[in-house]
Every structure is written in C-alpha cells, then in structure tokens.
C-alpha cells in the first residue's frame, strides 16, 4: 500500500473495458450507501511486477502473482460529491503467497499495485494516499485491495474508509 501512489498514466495494454455497461454491476452495494457508480474501467494483466512499486514490487519479484485485475471507478452522491475508487484482485498460486502479499500490502508506505489512470473514468489524476484503504482475501489465494479518494466535494475520511470497505467486496470483473 503506497503512500503517494499516484494514479499514473499507464500504457493501455491488456483487456480494458470503459464505462458502466458490459461489466458486473455492483449497484446494490452502492445504493445502500446513497451512492451510484458513474463510470468504470477494468484491466487484466498476466503479471504484477511491472504494475507495482516499492517493497510490494520486491516481494512480487520473489513471490510472483498468477494474475492481476484492476478496476477504477467513480461513485457520486445526490449532493454532487464524487470519489474515485481503485480495486485490485491479485491472485497467487497458493495461500501462503497470498498471506505474505497481504501482510506486506497492509503496511502503509511499503508500496502498492499501481492504480489505473483517472483519465479512464474522466477525472483528473488523483493521488491515492492509501489512507482510505481496505483489503481481504477471497478464495484463499486472491488478495483484494481497495482505496478511495475525494475528487469533488467533501466525503470525510471515515466515509472514504467505508467506501473502500464496500469496494473490497466488489465482484471480480
């Protein structure tokens, strides 16, 4: 999880789907919190090292992932506040590798999976601070990480934490 990890402009390689249509729609999770998904983009990659940085990248060189899917999307409320949300599904070959990755990823400042660029969801690049963060392990071998940041308006840090907590349960694309 990287302090100052910026939604960097990335070469668009791999599978990319832009917009809300055509993917799994987690609308119900967001409606329950008074939010709606405005735009979404996903990308699948076969490896993780080139899409990571810091100590997280160093670990991934030794303990390679089996697959990586990343999603960036925006959520908005009726008052016009908007947050950008980044979710990554990092799959490993075994439970021990997933455990080691999550243990390091959960320590602030150790690096991160590089978020997709905000331009994919029509927002200026927003620095992901990893302060509004959550993670989970699903199926024993996939670590899901989620981060949220304000774009417009004034979601509180606590509310952004809640958004990350919901996002970590987003269905895998």
Protein backbone atom coordinates (compact mmCIF):
# COMPACT_ATOMS: atom_id res chain seq x y z
CA UNK A 1 0.00 0.00 0.00
CA UNK A 2 1.81 3.08 -1.17
CA UNK A 3 1.90 6.50 0.31
CA UNK A 4 1.77 8.91 -2.56
CA UNK A 5 0.94 6.24 -5.10
CA UNK A 6 -0.41 8.38 -7.89
CA UNK A 7 -2.93 7.25 -10.42
CA UNK A 8 -0.27 7.20 -13.09
CA UNK A 9 -0.81 7.43 -16.79
CA UNK A 10 -0.35 3.86 -17.95
CA UNK A 11 0.06 2.38 -21.39
CA UNK A 12 -3.27 0.85 -22.23
CA UNK A 13 -2.31 -2.76 -22.80
CA UNK A 14 -4.35 -5.80 -21.88
CA UNK A 15 -8.06 -6.07 -21.53
CA UNK A 16 -9.76 -2.73 -20.98
CA UNK A 17 -13.45 -2.03 -20.60
CA UNK A 18 -14.58 1.54 -20.09
CA UNK A 19 -17.96 2.62 -18.80
CA UNK A 20 -20.60 1.12 -16.60
CA UNK A 21 -22.19 -1.06 -19.25
CA UNK A 22 -20.87 -4.51 -20.01
CA UNK A 23 -19.48 -5.50 -16.60
CA UNK A 24 -20.71 -6.85 -13.31
CA UNK A 25 -22.80 -4.07 -11.80
CA UNK A 26 -22.42 -3.80 -8.02
CA UNK A 27 -25.14 -1.15 -7.87
CA UNK A 28 -26.98 -2.58 -4.90
CA UNK A 29 -23.95 -2.28 -2.60
CA UNK A 30 -23.60 1.37 -3.50
CA UNK A 31 -27.30 2.27 -3.45
CA UNK A 32 -27.46 1.08 0.16
CA UNK A 33 -24.94 3.85 1.00
CA UNK A 34 -26.67 6.51 -1.11
CA UNK A 35 -24.09 6.30 -3.89
CA UNK A 36 -24.10 5.33 -7.54
CA UNK A 37 -21.33 4.21 -9.88
CA UNK A 38 -20.81 6.81 -12.60
CA UNK A 39 -18.02 5.34 -14.71
CA UNK A 40 -15.76 2.32 -14.55
CA UNK A 41 -12.73 0.86 -16.32
CA UNK A 42 -11.06 -2.52 -15.85
CA UNK A 43 -7.85 -4.11 -16.99
CA UNK A 44 -6.46 -7.64 -16.72
CA UNK A 45 -2.74 -8.35 -16.70
CA UNK A 46 -0.82 -11.62 -16.62
CA UNK A 47 1.82 -10.41 -14.16
CA UNK A 48 2.18 -7.98 -11.30
CA UNK A 49 5.80 -6.79 -11.10
CA UNK A 50 5.50 -4.09 -13.77
CA UNK A 51 2.24 -2.89 -12.20
CA UNK A 52 3.61 -2.41 -8.69
CA UNK A 53 6.22 -0.42 -6.78
CA UNK A 54 8.20 -0.34 -3.55
CA UNK A 55 8.62 -3.31 -1.25
CA UNK A 56 5.44 -4.77 -2.72
CA UNK A 57 7.20 -4.96 -6.09
CA UNK A 58 10.27 -6.53 -4.48
CA UNK A 59 8.09 -9.23 -2.92
CA UNK A 60 6.31 -9.86 -6.23
CA UNK A 61 9.68 -10.50 -7.90
CA UNK A 62 10.23 -13.38 -5.46
CA UNK A 63 6.62 -14.45 -4.99
CA UNK A 64 5.03 -13.86 -8.41
CA UNK A 65 1.32 -13.45 -8.79
CA UNK A 66 -0.71 -15.72 -11.05
CA UNK A 67 -2.89 -12.88 -12.31
CA UNK A 68 -3.91 -9.29 -11.75
CA UNK A 69 -7.17 -7.49 -12.44
CA UNK A 70 -7.52 -3.80 -11.72
CA UNK A 71 -10.57 -1.57 -11.70
CA UNK A 72 -11.02 2.16 -11.28
CA UNK A 73 -14.43 3.76 -10.92
CA UNK A 74 -16.16 6.82 -9.61
CA UNK A 75 -19.07 6.97 -7.19
CA UNK A 76 -21.21 10.01 -6.54
CA UNK A 77 -23.96 11.02 -4.14
CA UNK A 78 -27.03 13.21 -4.66
CA UNK A 79 -25.17 16.26 -3.30
CA UNK A 80 -22.61 16.01 -6.11
CA UNK A 81 -19.67 14.70 -4.09
CA UNK A 82 -17.56 12.26 -6.10
CA UNK A 83 -14.89 9.77 -5.07
CA UNK A 84 -12.55 7.75 -7.24
CA UNK A 85 -12.09 4.14 -6.18
CA UNK A 86 -9.32 1.71 -7.12
CA UNK A 87 -9.71 -2.05 -6.64
CA UNK A 88 -7.16 -4.75 -7.47
CA UNK A 89 -7.52 -8.53 -7.40
CA UNK A 90 -4.07 -10.09 -7.01
CA UNK A 91 -4.17 -13.86 -7.47
CA UNK A 92 -1.45 -16.21 -6.24
CA UNK A 93 -0.64 -19.88 -6.73
CA UNK A 94 -1.12 -20.76 -3.08
CA UNK A 95 -2.45 -19.50 0.25
CA UNK A 96 0.99 -18.81 1.74
CA UNK A 97 1.93 -16.47 -1.11
CA UNK A 98 -1.39 -14.62 -0.76
CA UNK A 99 -0.86 -14.32 3.00
CA UNK A 100 2.67 -12.91 2.57
CA UNK A 101 1.47 -10.39 -0.01
CA UNK A 102 -1.46 -9.19 2.10
CA UNK A 103 0.71 -8.91 5.20
CA UNK A 104 3.10 -6.55 3.37
CA UNK A 105 0.42 -4.71 1.36
CA UNK A 106 -1.45 -3.84 4.55
CA UNK A 107 1.53 -1.89 5.94
CA UNK A 108 1.25 1.75 4.88
CA UNK A 109 4.23 3.01 2.89
CA UNK A 110 5.51 -0.36 1.65
CA UNK A 111 4.43 0.09 -1.96
CA UNK A 112 1.34 -0.89 -3.85
CA UNK A 113 -0.24 -2.16 -7.01
CA UNK A 114 -0.22 0.79 -9.43
CA UNK A 115 -3.74 2.19 -9.87
CA UNK A 116 -5.23 2.72 -13.31
CA UNK A 117 -5.24 6.29 -14.58
CA UNK A 118 -8.15 8.55 -13.65
CA UNK A 119 -8.43 9.59 -17.31
CA UNK A 120 -10.13 6.24 -17.94
CA UNK A 121 -13.06 7.44 -15.83
CA UNK A 122 -13.00 11.10 -16.90
CA UNK A 123 -11.33 12.51 -13.78
CA UNK A 124 -8.04 14.30 -13.28
CA UNK A 125 -5.38 12.03 -11.87
CA UNK A 126 -5.89 11.87 -8.13
CA UNK A 127 -3.08 10.78 -5.82
CA UNK A 128 -4.04 7.63 -3.96
CA UNK A 129 -2.68 8.07 -0.43
CA UNK A 130 -3.69 4.61 0.80
CA UNK A 131 -5.16 6.22 3.91
CA UNK A 132 -8.69 5.21 2.84
CA UNK A 133 -7.90 1.53 2.33
CA UNK A 134 -9.21 -1.96 2.91
CA UNK A 135 -8.15 -5.45 1.88
CA UNK A 136 -9.41 -9.01 2.06
CA UNK A 137 -8.53 -12.50 0.90
CA UNK A 138 -11.11 -14.31 -1.18
CA UNK A 139 -10.97 -17.96 -2.27
CA UNK A 140 -7.80 -18.35 -0.20
CA UNK A 141 -5.45 -17.23 -2.97
CA UNK A 142 -6.74 -13.85 -4.17
CA UNK A 143 -5.98 -10.67 -2.27
CA UNK A 144 -8.40 -7.82 -2.97
CA UNK A 145 -7.23 -4.31 -2.19
CA UNK A 146 -9.34 -1.15 -2.40
CA UNK A 147 -8.55 2.54 -1.98
CA UNK A 148 -10.80 5.62 -2.23
CA UNK A 149 -10.08 9.34 -2.61
CA UNK A 150 -12.15 12.51 -2.99
CA UNK A 151 -12.49 14.03 -6.45
CA UNK A 152 -15.21 16.65 -5.86
CA UNK A 153 -16.98 17.55 -2.65
CA UNK A 154 -16.16 16.64 0.86
CA UNK A 155 -16.52 12.99 1.74
CA UNK A 156 -14.95 12.57 5.18
CA UNK A 157 -12.00 10.25 5.75
CA UNK A 158 -14.33 7.93 7.65
CA UNK A 159 -16.78 7.85 4.74
CA UNK A 160 -13.93 7.18 2.28
CA UNK A 161 -12.86 4.29 4.54
CA UNK A 162 -16.43 2.97 4.31
CA UNK A 163 -16.28 3.28 0.52
CA UNK A 164 -13.05 1.26 0.47
CA UNK A 165 -14.70 -1.32 2.73
CA UNK A 166 -17.56 -1.71 0.28
CA UNK A 167 -15.25 -1.67 -2.75
CA UNK A 168 -13.20 -4.58 -1.43
CA UNK A 169 -16.38 -6.68 -1.81
CA UNK A 170 -16.86 -5.62 -5.44
CA UNK A 171 -17.37 -8.67 -7.67
CA UNK A 172 -14.28 -9.52 -9.68
CA UNK A 173 -14.63 -8.41 -13.30
